[in-house]
């Protein structure tokens, strides 16, 4: 029983050590554009989004982190109701590529800020 308990405790400790690593790997994405098709390559899968057909609207959000400073994110709402966000927190090049493409090609679909009354 002692060996089983040792293996169980070692497995739990290893899980907690690797959990942050899996979290940051999952968030890492590489973007590429082929015309209006956005390819999002995650470590374990790839998503293809046809922006011309599937993009309903998009907007830019800003966040300020005390230790890291200010970051931007492009949030996209797709026609199927799903939301996709690309942040400048981990990869500024992905954000710049997507923001430049959306701003030049799909500026009419940019969500305007709603003013509270």
PDB file of N, CA and C in Angstrom:
ATOM      1  N   UNK A   1       0.808  -1.189   0.000  1.00  0.00           N
ATOM      2  CA  UNK A   1       0.000   0.000   0.000  1.00  0.00           C
ATOM      3  C   UNK A   1       0.854   1.258   0.000  1.00  0.00           C
ATOM      4  N   UNK A   2       2.004   1.174   0.566  1.00  0.00           N
ATOM      5  CA  UNK A   2       2.897   2.319   0.621  1.00  0.00           C
ATOM      6  C   UNK A   2       3.402   2.700  -0.770  1.00  0.00           C
ATOM      7  N   UNK A   3       3.693   1.711  -1.595  1.00  0.00           N
ATOM      8  CA  UNK A   3       4.166   1.988  -2.953  1.00  0.00           C
ATOM      9  C   UNK A   3       3.057   2.624  -3.784  1.00  0.00           C
ATOM     10  N   UNK A   4       1.829   2.165  -3.592  1.00  0.00           N
ATOM     11  CA  UNK A   4       0.703   2.732  -4.319  1.00  0.00           C
ATOM     12  C   UNK A   4       0.479   4.185  -3.933  1.00  0.00           C
ATOM     13  N   UNK A   5       0.586   4.483  -2.658  1.00  0.00           N
ATOM     14  CA  UNK A   5       0.427   5.854  -2.183  1.00  0.00           C
ATOM     15  C   UNK A   5       1.540   6.753  -2.705  1.00  0.00           C
ATOM     16  N   UNK A   6       2.749   6.242  -2.774  1.00  0.00           N
ATOM     17  CA  UNK A   6       3.883   7.017  -3.297  1.00  0.00           C
ATOM     18  C   UNK A   6       3.687   7.325  -4.778  1.00  0.00           C
ATOM     19  N   UNK A   7       3.245   6.344  -5.541  1.00  0.00           N
ATOM     20  CA  UNK A   7       2.999   6.554  -6.970  1.00  0.00           C
ATOM     21  C   UNK A   7       1.872   7.562  -7.170  1.00  0.00           C
ATOM     22  N   UNK A   8       0.834   7.468  -6.365  1.00  0.00           N
ATOM     23  CA  UNK A   8      -0.285   8.393  -6.468  1.00  0.00           C
ATOM     24  C   UNK A   8       0.148   9.821  -6.148  1.00  0.00           C
ATOM     25  N   UNK A   9       0.895   9.998  -5.083  1.00  0.00           N
ATOM     26  CA  UNK A   9       1.384  11.338  -4.723  1.00  0.00           C
ATOM     27  C   UNK A   9       2.343  11.898  -5.773  1.00  0.00           C
ATOM     28  N   UNK A  10       3.213  11.054  -6.305  1.00  0.00           N
ATOM     29  CA  UNK A  10       4.140  11.503  -7.351  1.00  0.00           C
ATOM     30  C   UNK A  10       3.368  11.906  -8.612  1.00  0.00           C
ATOM     31  N   UNK A  11       2.319  11.178  -8.945  1.00  0.00           N
ATOM     32  CA  UNK A  11       1.513  11.520 -10.120  1.00  0.00           C
ATOM     33  C   UNK A  11       0.797  12.846  -9.937  1.00  0.00           C
ATOM     34  N   UNK A  12       0.267  13.079  -8.754  1.00  0.00           N
ATOM     35  CA  UNK A  12      -0.416  14.340  -8.486  1.00  0.00           C
ATOM     36  C   UNK A  12       0.554  15.508  -8.542  1.00  0.00           C
ATOM     37  N   UNK A  13       1.734  15.344  -7.981  1.00  0.00           N
ATOM     38  CA  UNK A  13       2.745  16.408  -8.016  1.00  0.00           C
ATOM     39  C   UNK A  13       3.170  16.704  -9.449  1.00  0.00           C
ATOM     40  N   UNK A  14       3.389  15.666 -10.249  1.00  0.00           N
ATOM     41  CA  UNK A  14       3.761  15.878 -11.652  1.00  0.00           C
ATOM     42  C   UNK A  14       2.643  16.551 -12.430  1.00  0.00           C
ATOM     43  N   UNK A  15       1.406  16.209 -12.133  1.00  0.00           N
ATOM     44  CA  UNK A  15       0.277  16.847 -12.797  1.00  0.00           C
ATOM     45  C   UNK A  15       0.258  18.344 -12.502  1.00  0.00           C
ATOM     46  N   UNK A  16       0.466  18.717 -11.259  1.00  0.00           N
ATOM     47  CA  UNK A  16       0.472  20.132 -10.905  1.00  0.00           C
ATOM     48  C   UNK A  16       1.677  20.872 -11.479  1.00  0.00           C
ATOM     49  N   UNK A  17       2.785  20.191 -11.689  1.00  0.00           N
ATOM     50  CA  UNK A  17       3.947  20.828 -12.311  1.00  0.00           C
ATOM     51  C   UNK A  17       3.743  21.068 -13.798  1.00  0.00           C
ATOM     52  N   UNK A  18       3.062  20.134 -14.470  1.00  0.00           N
ATOM     53  CA  UNK A  18       2.874  20.249 -15.911  1.00  0.00           C
ATOM     54  C   UNK A  18       1.608  20.999 -16.300  1.00  0.00           C
ATOM     55  N   UNK A  19       0.708  21.227 -15.382  1.00  0.00           N
ATOM     56  CA  UNK A  19      -0.534  21.920 -15.684  1.00  0.00           C
ATOM     57  C   UNK A  19      -0.313  23.329 -16.248  1.00  0.00           C
ATOM     58  N   UNK A  20       0.545  24.169 -15.659  1.00  0.00           N
ATOM     59  CA  UNK A  20       0.786  25.486 -16.279  1.00  0.00           C
ATOM     60  C   UNK A  20       1.414  25.383 -17.666  1.00  0.00           C
ATOM     61  N   UNK A  21       2.277  24.409 -17.866  1.00  0.00           N
ATOM     62  CA  UNK A  21       2.891  24.214 -19.178  1.00  0.00           C
ATOM     63  C   UNK A  21       1.832  23.900 -20.229  1.00  0.00           C
ATOM     64  N   UNK A  22       0.916  23.005 -19.933  1.00  0.00           N
ATOM     65  CA  UNK A  22      -0.160  22.677 -20.871  1.00  0.00           C
ATOM     66  C   UNK A  22      -1.071  23.870 -21.113  1.00  0.00           C
ATOM     67  N   UNK A  23      -1.288  24.669 -20.094  1.00  0.00           N
ATOM     68  CA  UNK A  23      -2.145  25.845 -20.239  1.00  0.00           C
ATOM     69  C   UNK A  23      -1.542  26.839 -21.225  1.00  0.00           C
ATOM     70  N   UNK A  24      -0.242  27.115 -21.103  1.00  0.00           N
ATOM     71  CA  UNK A  24       0.383  28.085 -21.996  1.00  0.00           C
ATOM     72  C   UNK A  24       0.602  27.526 -23.393  1.00  0.00           C
ATOM     73  N   UNK A  25       0.838  26.237 -23.520  1.00  0.00           N
ATOM     74  CA  UNK A  25       0.972  25.638 -24.851  1.00  0.00           C
ATOM     75  C   UNK A  25      -0.370  25.688 -25.572  1.00  0.00           C
ATOM     76  N   UNK A  26      -1.460  25.456 -24.862  1.00  0.00           N
ATOM     77  CA  UNK A  26      -2.781  25.485 -25.477  1.00  0.00           C
ATOM     78  C   UNK A  26      -3.116  26.869 -26.001  1.00  0.00           C
ATOM     79  N   UNK A  27      -2.631  27.900 -25.317  1.00  0.00           N
ATOM     80  CA  UNK A  27      -2.946  29.258 -25.718  1.00  0.00           C
ATOM     81  C   UNK A  27      -2.062  29.751 -26.864  1.00  0.00           C
ATOM     82  N   UNK A  28      -0.988  29.075 -27.151  1.00  0.00           N
ATOM     83  CA  UNK A  28      -0.094  29.502 -28.215  1.00  0.00           C
ATOM     84  C   UNK A  28      -0.707  29.126 -29.558  1.00  0.00           C
ATOM     85  N   UNK A  29      -0.800  30.110 -30.423  1.00  0.00           N
ATOM     86  CA  UNK A  29      -1.418  29.886 -31.725  1.00  0.00           C
ATOM     87  C   UNK A  29      -0.594  30.636 -32.778  1.00  0.00           C
ATOM     88  N   UNK A  30      -0.517  30.040 -33.954  1.00  0.00           N
ATOM     89  CA  UNK A  30       0.134  30.699 -35.082  1.00  0.00           C
ATOM     90  C   UNK A  30      -0.932  30.983 -36.129  1.00  0.00           C
ATOM     91  N   UNK A  31      -0.979  32.221 -36.578  1.00  0.00           N
ATOM     92  CA  UNK A  31      -1.972  32.628 -37.576  1.00  0.00           C
ATOM     93  C   UNK A  31      -1.335  32.750 -38.939  1.00  0.00           C
ATOM     94  N   UNK A  32      -2.112  32.402 -39.943  1.00  0.00           N
ATOM     95  CA  UNK A  32      -1.713  32.650 -41.322  1.00  0.00           C
ATOM     96  C   UNK A  32      -2.976  32.961 -42.110  1.00  0.00           C
ATOM     97  N   UNK A  33      -2.823  33.815 -43.088  1.00  0.00           N
ATOM     98  CA  UNK A  33      -3.958  34.213 -43.921  1.00  0.00           C
ATOM     99  C   UNK A  33      -3.724  33.765 -45.346  1.00  0.00           C
ATOM    100  N   UNK A  34      -4.753  33.162 -45.929  1.00  0.00           N
ATOM    101  CA  UNK A  34      -4.760  32.792 -47.343  1.00  0.00           C
ATOM    102  C   UNK A  34      -5.962  33.478 -47.953  1.00  0.00           C
ATOM    103  N   UNK A  35      -5.789  34.681 -48.423  1.00  0.00           N
ATOM    104  CA  UNK A  35      -6.922  35.475 -48.888  1.00  0.00           C
ATOM    105  C   UNK A  35      -7.755  35.890 -47.695  1.00  0.00           C
ATOM    106  N   UNK A  36      -9.003  35.452 -47.656  1.00  0.00           N
ATOM    107  CA  UNK A  36      -9.872  35.746 -46.525  1.00  0.00           C
ATOM    108  C   UNK A  36     -10.060  34.542 -45.603  1.00  0.00           C
ATOM    109  N   UNK A  37      -9.235  33.530 -45.754  1.00  0.00           N
ATOM    110  CA  UNK A  37      -9.312  32.353 -44.893  1.00  0.00           C
ATOM    111  C   UNK A  37      -8.239  32.473 -43.818  1.00  0.00           C
ATOM    112  N   UNK A  38      -8.675  32.442 -42.568  1.00  0.00           N
ATOM    113  CA  UNK A  38      -7.778  32.539 -41.425  1.00  0.00           C
ATOM    114  C   UNK A  38      -7.471  31.142 -40.920  1.00  0.00           C
ATOM    115  N   UNK A  39      -6.193  30.776 -40.908  1.00  0.00           N
ATOM    116  CA  UNK A  39      -5.749  29.491 -40.377  1.00  0.00           C
ATOM    117  C   UNK A  39      -5.169  29.721 -38.993  1.00  0.00           C
ATOM    118  N   UNK A  40      -5.748  29.078 -37.998  1.00  0.00           N
ATOM    119  CA  UNK A  40      -5.272  29.177 -36.623  1.00  0.00           C
ATOM    120  C   UNK A  40      -4.682  27.820 -36.254  1.00  0.00           C
ATOM    121  N   UNK A  41      -3.356  27.768 -36.137  1.00  0.00           N
ATOM    122  CA  UNK A  41      -2.671  26.506 -35.856  1.00  0.00           C
ATOM    123  C   UNK A  41      -2.322  26.438 -34.376  1.00  0.00           C
ATOM    124  N   UNK A  42      -3.072  25.614 -33.651  1.00  0.00           N
ATOM    125  CA  UNK A  42      -2.791  25.323 -32.253  1.00  0.00           C
ATOM    126  C   UNK A  42      -1.850  24.132 -32.199  1.00  0.00           C
ATOM    127  N   UNK A  43      -1.257  23.843 -31.039  1.00  0.00           N
ATOM    128  CA  UNK A  43      -0.348  22.686 -30.980  1.00  0.00           C
ATOM    129  C   UNK A  43      -1.015  21.355 -31.301  1.00  0.00           C
ATOM    130  N   UNK A  44      -2.307  21.201 -30.999  1.00  0.00           N
ATOM    131  CA  UNK A  44      -2.939  19.912 -31.192  1.00  0.00           C
ATOM    132  C   UNK A  44      -4.002  19.891 -32.283  1.00  0.00           C
ATOM    133  N   UNK A  45      -4.382  21.038 -32.836  1.00  0.00           N
ATOM    134  CA  UNK A  45      -5.373  21.055 -33.919  1.00  0.00           C
ATOM    135  C   UNK A  45      -5.233  22.337 -34.734  1.00  0.00           C
ATOM    136  N   UNK A  46      -5.979  22.413 -35.825  1.00  0.00           N
ATOM    137  CA  UNK A  46      -5.970  23.566 -36.713  1.00  0.00           C
ATOM    138  C   UNK A  46      -7.408  23.967 -37.014  1.00  0.00           C
ATOM    139  N   UNK A  47      -7.682  25.267 -36.929  1.00  0.00           N
ATOM    140  CA  UNK A  47      -9.005  25.780 -37.278  1.00  0.00           C
ATOM    141  C   UNK A  47      -8.884  26.651 -38.505  1.00  0.00           C
ATOM    142  N   UNK A  48      -9.837  26.505 -39.406  1.00  0.00           N
ATOM    143  CA  UNK A  48      -9.901  27.338 -40.603  1.00  0.00           C
ATOM    144  C   UNK A  48     -11.202  28.128 -40.544  1.00  0.00           C
ATOM    145  N   UNK A  49     -11.089  29.445 -40.661  1.00  0.00           N
ATOM    146  CA  UNK A  49     -12.258  30.317 -40.608  1.00  0.00           C
ATOM    147  C   UNK A  49     -12.291  31.139 -41.887  1.00  0.00           C
ATOM    148  N   UNK A  50     -13.368  31.004 -42.639  1.00  0.00           N
ATOM    149  CA  UNK A  50     -13.568  31.820 -43.827  1.00  0.00           C
ATOM    150  C   UNK A  50     -14.179  33.143 -43.365  1.00  0.00           C
ATOM    151  N   UNK A  51     -13.361  34.169 -43.286  1.00  0.00           N
ATOM    152  CA  UNK A  51     -13.803  35.441 -42.724  1.00  0.00           C
ATOM    153  C   UNK A  51     -14.916  36.087 -43.532  1.00  0.00           C
ATOM    154  N   UNK A  52     -14.878  35.921 -44.834  1.00  0.00           N
ATOM    155  CA  UNK A  52     -15.900  36.546 -45.678  1.00  0.00           C
ATOM    156  C   UNK A  52     -17.286  35.978 -45.394  1.00  0.00           C
ATOM    157  N   UNK A  53     -17.366  34.675 -45.141  1.00  0.00           N
ATOM    158  CA  UNK A  53     -18.660  34.028 -44.916  1.00  0.00           C
ATOM    159  C   UNK A  53     -19.028  33.925 -43.442  1.00  0.00           C
ATOM    160  N   UNK A  54     -18.054  33.704 -42.566  1.00  0.00           N
ATOM    161  CA  UNK A  54     -18.358  33.371 -41.183  1.00  0.00           C
ATOM    162  C   UNK A  54     -18.252  34.537 -40.200  1.00  0.00           C
ATOM    163  N   UNK A  55     -17.594  35.623 -40.567  1.00  0.00           N
ATOM    164  CA  UNK A  55     -17.401  36.727 -39.626  1.00  0.00           C
ATOM    165  C   UNK A  55     -18.644  37.594 -39.573  1.00  0.00           C
ATOM    166  N   UNK A  56     -19.222  37.708 -38.382  1.00  0.00           N
ATOM    167  CA  UNK A  56     -20.395  38.557 -38.186  1.00  0.00           C
ATOM    168  C   UNK A  56     -19.956  39.978 -37.816  1.00  0.00           C
ATOM    169  N   UNK A  57     -19.139  40.106 -36.776  1.00  0.00           N
ATOM    170  CA  UNK A  57     -18.551  41.400 -36.427  1.00  0.00           C
ATOM    171  C   UNK A  57     -17.284  41.177 -35.610  1.00  0.00           C
ATOM    172  N   UNK A  58     -16.532  42.231 -35.426  1.00  0.00           N
ATOM    173  CA  UNK A  58     -15.295  42.155 -34.668  1.00  0.00           C
ATOM    174  C   UNK A  58     -15.077  43.475 -33.945  1.00  0.00           C
ATOM    175  N   UNK A  59     -14.278  43.421 -32.884  1.00  0.00           N
ATOM    176  CA  UNK A  59     -13.944  44.627 -32.141  1.00  0.00           C
ATOM    177  C   UNK A  59     -12.579  44.461 -31.477  1.00  0.00           C
ATOM    178  N   UNK A  60     -12.068  45.571 -30.978  1.00  0.00           N
ATOM    179  CA  UNK A  60     -10.779  45.584 -30.291  1.00  0.00           C
ATOM    180  C   UNK A  60     -11.041  45.865 -28.818  1.00  0.00           C
ATOM    181  N   UNK A  61     -10.423  45.068 -27.976  1.00  0.00           N
ATOM    182  CA  UNK A  61     -10.543  45.237 -26.540  1.00  0.00           C
ATOM    183  C   UNK A  61      -9.170  45.516 -25.970  1.00  0.00           C
ATOM    184  N   UNK A  62      -9.130  46.344 -24.931  1.00  0.00           N
ATOM    185  CA  UNK A  62      -7.866  46.674 -24.278  1.00  0.00           C
ATOM    186  C   UNK A  62      -7.907  46.193 -22.846  1.00  0.00           C
ATOM    187  N   UNK A  63      -6.769  45.708 -22.388  1.00  0.00           N
ATOM    188  CA  UNK A  63      -6.631  45.276 -21.000  1.00  0.00           C
ATOM    189  C   UNK A  63      -5.320  45.842 -20.461  1.00  0.00           C
ATOM    190  N   UNK A  64      -5.344  46.211 -19.207  1.00  0.00           N
ATOM    191  CA  UNK A  64      -4.133  46.718 -18.574  1.00  0.00           C
ATOM    192  C   UNK A  64      -3.805  45.822 -17.389  1.00  0.00           C
ATOM    193  N   UNK A  65      -2.625  45.203 -17.450  1.00  0.00           N
ATOM    194  CA  UNK A  65      -2.148  44.382 -16.360  1.00  0.00           C
ATOM    195  C   UNK A  65      -1.084  45.169 -15.602  1.00  0.00           C
ATOM    196  N   UNK A  66      -1.169  45.149 -14.319  1.00  0.00           N
ATOM    197  CA  UNK A  66      -0.295  45.962 -13.488  1.00  0.00           C
ATOM    198  C   UNK A  66       1.179  45.673 -13.745  1.00  0.00           C
ATOM    199  N   UNK A  67       1.529  44.419 -13.863  1.00  0.00           N
ATOM    200  CA  UNK A  67       2.947  44.070 -14.032  1.00  0.00           C
ATOM    201  C   UNK A  67       3.393  44.024 -15.490  1.00  0.00           C
ATOM    202  N   UNK A  68       2.471  43.703 -16.402  1.00  0.00           N
ATOM    203  CA  UNK A  68       2.858  43.510 -17.798  1.00  0.00           C
ATOM    204  C   UNK A  68       2.545  44.691 -18.678  1.00  0.00           C
ATOM    205  N   UNK A  69       1.694  45.579 -18.277  1.00  0.00           N
ATOM    206  CA  UNK A  69       1.349  46.736 -19.086  1.00  0.00           C
ATOM    207  C   UNK A  69       0.054  46.541 -19.856  1.00  0.00           C
ATOM    208  N   UNK A  70      -0.087  47.277 -20.943  1.00  0.00           N
ATOM    209  CA  UNK A  70      -1.325  47.266 -21.717  1.00  0.00           C
ATOM    210  C   UNK A  70      -1.232  46.288 -22.884  1.00  0.00           C
ATOM    211  N   UNK A  71      -2.317  45.539 -23.077  1.00  0.00           N
ATOM    212  CA  UNK A  71      -2.393  44.590 -24.179  1.00  0.00           C
ATOM    213  C   UNK A  71      -3.724  44.762 -24.893  1.00  0.00           C
ATOM    214  N   UNK A  72      -3.733  44.392 -26.152  1.00  0.00           N
ATOM    215  CA  UNK A  72      -4.940  44.476 -26.974  1.00  0.00           C
ATOM    216  C   UNK A  72      -5.363  43.083 -27.400  1.00  0.00           C
ATOM    217  N   UNK A  73      -6.638  42.958 -27.711  1.00  0.00           N
ATOM    218  CA  UNK A  73      -7.154  41.700 -28.231  1.00  0.00           C
ATOM    219  C   UNK A  73      -8.209  42.003 -29.283  1.00  0.00           C
ATOM    220  N   UNK A  74      -8.192  41.219 -30.339  1.00  0.00           N
ATOM    221  CA  UNK A  74      -9.224  41.297 -31.365  1.00  0.00           C
ATOM    222  C   UNK A  74     -10.234  40.209 -31.039  1.00  0.00           C
ATOM    223  N   UNK A  75     -11.475  40.611 -30.812  1.00  0.00           N
ATOM    224  CA  UNK A  75     -12.541  39.658 -30.555  1.00  0.00           C
ATOM    225  C   UNK A  75     -13.440  39.567 -31.774  1.00  0.00           C
ATOM    226  N   UNK A  76     -13.677  38.355 -32.239  1.00  0.00           N
ATOM    227  CA  UNK A  76     -14.504  38.148 -33.419  1.00  0.00           C
ATOM    228  C   UNK A  76     -15.724  37.309 -33.047  1.00  0.00           C
ATOM    229  N   UNK A  77     -16.883  37.734 -33.508  1.00  0.00           N
ATOM    230  CA  UNK A  77     -18.114  36.961 -33.345  1.00  0.00           C
ATOM    231  C   UNK A  77     -18.433  36.335 -34.695  1.00  0.00           C
ATOM    232  N   UNK A  78     -18.566  35.022 -34.700  1.00  0.00           N
ATOM    233  CA  UNK A  78     -18.846  34.302 -35.938  1.00  0.00           C
ATOM    234  C   UNK A  78     -20.349  34.088 -36.084  1.00  0.00           C
ATOM    235  N   UNK A  79     -20.778  33.751 -37.289  1.00  0.00           N
ATOM    236  CA  UNK A  79     -22.204  33.597 -37.560  1.00  0.00           C
ATOM    237  C   UNK A  79     -22.814  32.418 -36.811  1.00  0.00           C
ATOM    238  N   UNK A  80     -22.014  31.428 -36.419  1.00  0.00           N
ATOM    239  CA  UNK A  80     -22.548  30.289 -35.671  1.00  0.00           C
ATOM    240  C   UNK A  80     -22.639  30.581 -34.175  1.00  0.00           C
ATOM    241  N   UNK A  81     -22.304  31.802 -33.757  1.00  0.00           N
ATOM    242  CA  UNK A  81     -22.411  32.198 -32.358  1.00  0.00           C
ATOM    243  C   UNK A  81     -21.142  32.041 -31.558  1.00  0.00           C
ATOM    244  N   UNK A  82     -20.116  31.455 -32.124  1.00  0.00           N
ATOM    245  CA  UNK A  82     -18.861  31.266 -31.401  1.00  0.00           C
ATOM    246  C   UNK A  82     -18.046  32.552 -31.426  1.00  0.00           C
ATOM    247  N   UNK A  83     -17.236  32.724 -30.396  1.00  0.00           N
ATOM    248  CA  UNK A  83     -16.342  33.874 -30.310  1.00  0.00           C
ATOM    249  C   UNK A  83     -14.899  33.387 -30.376  1.00  0.00           C
ATOM    250  N   UNK A  84     -14.082  34.158 -31.084  1.00  0.00           N
ATOM    251  CA  UNK A  84     -12.660  33.869 -31.207  1.00  0.00           C
ATOM    252  C   UNK A  84     -11.917  35.139 -30.841  1.00  0.00           C
ATOM    253  N   UNK A  85     -10.907  35.006 -29.996  1.00  0.00           N
ATOM    254  CA  UNK A  85     -10.121  36.169 -29.589  1.00  0.00           C
ATOM    255  C   UNK A  85      -8.647  35.890 -29.829  1.00  0.00           C
ATOM    256  N   UNK A  86      -7.950  36.905 -30.337  1.00  0.00           N
ATOM    257  CA  UNK A  86      -6.508  36.828 -30.540  1.00  0.00           C
ATOM    258  C   UNK A  86      -5.905  37.992 -29.785  1.00  0.00           C
ATOM    259  N   UNK A  87      -5.015  37.674 -28.865  1.00  0.00           N
ATOM    260  CA  UNK A  87      -4.443  38.674 -27.971  1.00  0.00           C
ATOM    261  C   UNK A  87      -3.011  38.998 -28.370  1.00  0.00           C
ATOM    262  N   UNK A  88      -2.562  40.179 -27.980  1.00  0.00           N
ATOM    263  CA  UNK A  88      -1.169  40.556 -28.200  1.00  0.00           C
ATOM    264  C   UNK A  88      -0.301  40.200 -27.004  1.00  0.00           C
ATOM    265  N   UNK A  89      -0.860  39.486 -26.028  1.00  0.00           N
ATOM    266  CA  UNK A  89      -0.136  39.143 -24.822  1.00  0.00           C
ATOM    267  C   UNK A  89       1.038  38.218 -25.106  1.00  0.00           C
ATOM    268  N   UNK A  90       0.828  37.160 -25.889  1.00  0.00           N
ATOM    269  CA  UNK A  90       1.874  36.189 -26.146  1.00  0.00           C
ATOM    270  C   UNK A  90       2.565  36.382 -27.492  1.00  0.00           C
ATOM    271  N   UNK A  91       1.863  36.925 -28.489  1.00  0.00           N
ATOM    272  CA  UNK A  91       2.460  37.056 -29.811  1.00  0.00           C
ATOM    273  C   UNK A  91       1.915  38.310 -30.490  1.00  0.00           C
ATOM    274  N   UNK A  92       2.704  39.359 -30.464  1.00  0.00           N
ATOM    275  CA  UNK A  92       2.303  40.636 -31.051  1.00  0.00           C
ATOM    276  C   UNK A  92       2.149  40.527 -32.571  1.00  0.00           C
ATOM    277  N   UNK A  93       2.931  39.690 -33.217  1.00  0.00           N
ATOM    278  CA  UNK A  93       2.859  39.549 -34.680  1.00  0.00           C
ATOM    279  C   UNK A  93       1.501  38.997 -35.125  1.00  0.00           C
ATOM    280  N   UNK A  94       0.962  38.015 -34.387  1.00  0.00           N
ATOM    281  CA  UNK A  94      -0.363  37.482 -34.724  1.00  0.00           C
ATOM    282  C   UNK A  94      -1.423  38.567 -34.622  1.00  0.00           C
ATOM    283  N   UNK A  95      -1.356  39.349 -33.566  1.00  0.00           N
ATOM    284  CA  UNK A  95      -2.335  40.420 -33.369  1.00  0.00           C
ATOM    285  C   UNK A  95      -2.233  41.453 -34.493  1.00  0.00           C
ATOM    286  N   UNK A  96      -1.012  41.869 -34.819  1.00  0.00           N
ATOM    287  CA  UNK A  96      -0.818  42.872 -35.874  1.00  0.00           C
ATOM    288  C   UNK A  96      -1.319  42.373 -37.223  1.00  0.00           C
ATOM    289  N   UNK A  97      -1.042  41.106 -37.538  1.00  0.00           N
ATOM    290  CA  UNK A  97      -1.481  40.523 -38.806  1.00  0.00           C
ATOM    291  C   UNK A  97      -3.011  40.503 -38.898  1.00  0.00           C
ATOM    292  N   UNK A  98      -3.654  40.031 -37.850  1.00  0.00           N
ATOM    293  CA  UNK A  98      -5.111  39.924 -37.875  1.00  0.00           C
ATOM    294  C   UNK A  98      -5.771  41.293 -37.844  1.00  0.00           C
ATOM    295  N   UNK A  99      -5.282  42.189 -37.003  1.00  0.00           N
ATOM    296  CA  UNK A  99      -5.875  43.522 -36.917  1.00  0.00           C
ATOM    297  C   UNK A  99      -5.735  44.278 -38.243  1.00  0.00           C
ATOM    298  N   UNK A 100      -4.572  44.199 -38.861  1.00  0.00           N
ATOM    299  CA  UNK A 100      -4.369  44.863 -40.148  1.00  0.00           C
ATOM    300  C   UNK A 100      -5.293  44.324 -41.224  1.00  0.00           C
ATOM    301  N   UNK A 101      -5.459  43.005 -41.261  1.00  0.00           N
ATOM    302  CA  UNK A 101      -6.332  42.405 -42.274  1.00  0.00           C
ATOM    303  C   UNK A 101      -7.797  42.768 -42.030  1.00  0.00           C
ATOM    304  N   UNK A 102      -8.239  42.666 -40.779  1.00  0.00           N
ATOM    305  CA  UNK A 102      -9.639  42.994 -40.480  1.00  0.00           C
ATOM    306  C   UNK A 102      -9.919  44.471 -40.700  1.00  0.00           C
ATOM    307  N   UNK A 103      -8.986  45.325 -40.345  1.00  0.00           N
ATOM    308  CA  UNK A 103      -9.190  46.761 -40.500  1.00  0.00           C
ATOM    309  C   UNK A 103      -9.232  47.168 -41.971  1.00  0.00           C
ATOM    310  N   UNK A 104      -8.452  46.497 -42.806  1.00  0.00           N
ATOM    311  CA  UNK A 104      -8.437  46.878 -44.223  1.00  0.00           C
ATOM    312  C   UNK A 104      -9.581  46.233 -45.011  1.00  0.00           C
ATOM    313  N   UNK A 105      -9.932  44.978 -44.706  1.00  0.00           N
ATOM    314  CA  UNK A 105     -10.925  44.263 -45.502  1.00  0.00           C
ATOM    315  C   UNK A 105     -12.334  44.273 -44.917  1.00  0.00           C
ATOM    316  N   UNK A 106     -12.450  44.285 -43.584  1.00  0.00           N
ATOM    317  CA  UNK A 106     -13.751  44.127 -42.937  1.00  0.00           C
ATOM    318  C   UNK A 106     -14.028  45.263 -41.962  1.00  0.00           C
ATOM    319  N   UNK A 107     -13.663  46.463 -42.333  1.00  0.00           N
ATOM    320  CA  UNK A 107     -13.886  47.606 -41.457  1.00  0.00           C
ATOM    321  C   UNK A 107     -15.380  47.892 -41.291  1.00  0.00           C
ATOM    322  N   UNK A 108     -16.184  47.534 -42.267  1.00  0.00           N
ATOM    323  CA  UNK A 108     -17.628  47.767 -42.162  1.00  0.00           C
ATOM    324  C   UNK A 108     -18.277  46.842 -41.127  1.00  0.00           C
ATOM    325  N   UNK A 109     -17.633  45.733 -40.810  1.00  0.00           N
ATOM    326  CA  UNK A 109     -18.181  44.805 -39.819  1.00  0.00           C
ATOM    327  C   UNK A 109     -17.643  45.068 -38.414  1.00  0.00           C
ATOM    328  N   UNK A 110     -16.858  46.117 -38.266  1.00  0.00           N
ATOM    329  CA  UNK A 110     -16.305  46.428 -36.947  1.00  0.00           C
ATOM    330  C   UNK A 110     -17.431  46.891 -36.031  1.00  0.00           C
ATOM    331  N   UNK A 111     -17.480  46.306 -34.868  1.00  0.00           N
ATOM    332  CA  UNK A 111     -18.532  46.624 -33.906  1.00  0.00           C
ATOM    333  C   UNK A 111     -18.228  47.984 -33.283  1.00  0.00           C
ATOM    334  N   UNK A 112     -19.193  48.870 -33.354  1.00  0.00           N
ATOM    335  CA  UNK A 112     -19.012  50.184 -32.752  1.00  0.00           C
ATOM    336  C   UNK A 112     -19.347  50.112 -31.271  1.00  0.00           C
ATOM    337  N   UNK A 113     -18.740  51.012 -30.516  1.00  0.00           N
ATOM    338  CA  UNK A 113     -18.987  51.014 -29.081  1.00  0.00           C
ATOM    339  C   UNK A 113     -20.385  51.520 -28.801  1.00  0.00           C
ATOM    340  N   UNK A 114     -21.066  50.799 -27.949  1.00  0.00           N
ATOM    341  CA  UNK A 114     -22.414  51.192 -27.586  1.00  0.00           C
ATOM    342  C   UNK A 114     -22.327  52.137 -26.396  1.00  0.00           C
ATOM    343  N   UNK A 115     -23.024  53.240 -26.497  1.00  0.00           N
ATOM    344  CA  UNK A 115     -22.991  54.220 -25.421  1.00  0.00           C
ATOM    345  C   UNK A 115     -24.151  53.982 -24.470  1.00  0.00           C
ATOM    346  N   UNK A 116     -23.830  54.034 -23.194  1.00  0.00           N
ATOM    347  CA  UNK A 116     -24.867  53.843 -22.172  1.00  0.00           C
ATOM    348  C   UNK A 116     -25.645  55.156 -22.010  1.00  0.00           C
ATOM    349  N   UNK A 117     -26.924  55.026 -21.790  1.00  0.00           N
ATOM    350  CA  UNK A 117     -27.771  56.205 -21.629  1.00  0.00           C
ATOM    351  C   UNK A 117     -27.928  56.512 -20.155  1.00  0.00           C
TER     352      UNK A 117
END
